Every structure is written in C-alpha cells, then in structure tokens.
Amino acid sequence: MSQKHEPKTFMVKGLSVTQGSITPFPYMKGDGSLGVAVPQSKKVTDWRKVVAKVAKQVYPTVEYGQYEQVSLDILFCFERPKSNKRKFFTVKKADLDKLQRTILDSLSGIVYEDDCQVTEIHASKVYADMNCVFIRVRDHTTPYSDLLRDIVRWNEVAIQFTGGEAC
C-alpha cells in the first residue's frame, strides 16, 4: 500500500532544453557482443544535471517507491523578448512534450524510481522575466491545483514582501 506524500514545488533556474526523439544505433562491444548507443546532446546532458541537482536538494532520497503513482505540474518560463510586450503564453520553438521528457528523465532515480510511474502531467510554457522551470511533484491522489495561478500569486506576495522583483 502506498503512503500519502505532501506535494513539493521547486524552481530550477536556467533555459529549459528539449530532449528530442532518439535514434539508437548498434555497435560491437569489445567482448564481441552487440550494444546499443544513444547519442545525446551536451546541452540536454547539462540541463538534466542541473535539474537533478536541485531535485536532490528537495528529495535527498527517492520518495516514491517502484509501484507508487506520481503526478507532475510543470511550468516552463522563457525570458520575454523585448519585442513582445503583450503575449503571455509562448509559441516558442521548444515543443512542450520534448521539454517534459527532459524533466521526467531528470527526476528518475531521485524523486521516483522510473518515469513510467508518472501517470498525470499538467504543463505550460509562458513568457516571464527569466528562464526557469517550476516543478510540483504530488501524489496522484492529491487534487490538481493550477501551478501557474499559484506561481503568479506567489510572485505577487514576494514582490509585496520584498518591495522589488521576484522570480
């Protein structure tokens, strides 16, 4: 029986990178057996390490066991171009599904055992003052709460509290 987990939200600063479709190719190992190599770009590898580092600060040990379902709410923030003063949601080239894939793989072995445990995802891409991603991990039984609305509310409170800028 799985235990109830409290939702946790954290922010990772930096430009989100897409993890595209991969094309494995066979090669011969030194011992003569066949292996499969999957090349990844350095940008993807570096971004995954950044996300994993922040996630490890929030989750020092794997919290969701092998058979526990996990839900994710992800908000990808991209720095607003100076030429764009009005739009909120971005149609920037990065595909939402490929952005999600990078996050899912980054959290594997840290938050949950394997990304196949993720049974629900809510994700958005928006323009903001900086490049970052907000990730909320919650138990699949915890009702969905609009992360975007919560972040905007959090920013308004932070701006009022500090008298300056937030996020």
Foldseek 3Di string as FASTA:
>chain_A
DDDFDDKDKDKQADAQDFWDDWDWDWDADPVRDIDIDTDGDPVLVVVLVSLLVRLCVVFVAADAEDQFAKEKEKEWEAADDPVDDDFWFDPPPHDPVRSVVSNLVSCDRGHYPHSVSYDYYHYGYTYDNGGMMMMMMGGPVDDDDHPVVVVVVVQVVVCVVVVHGDD
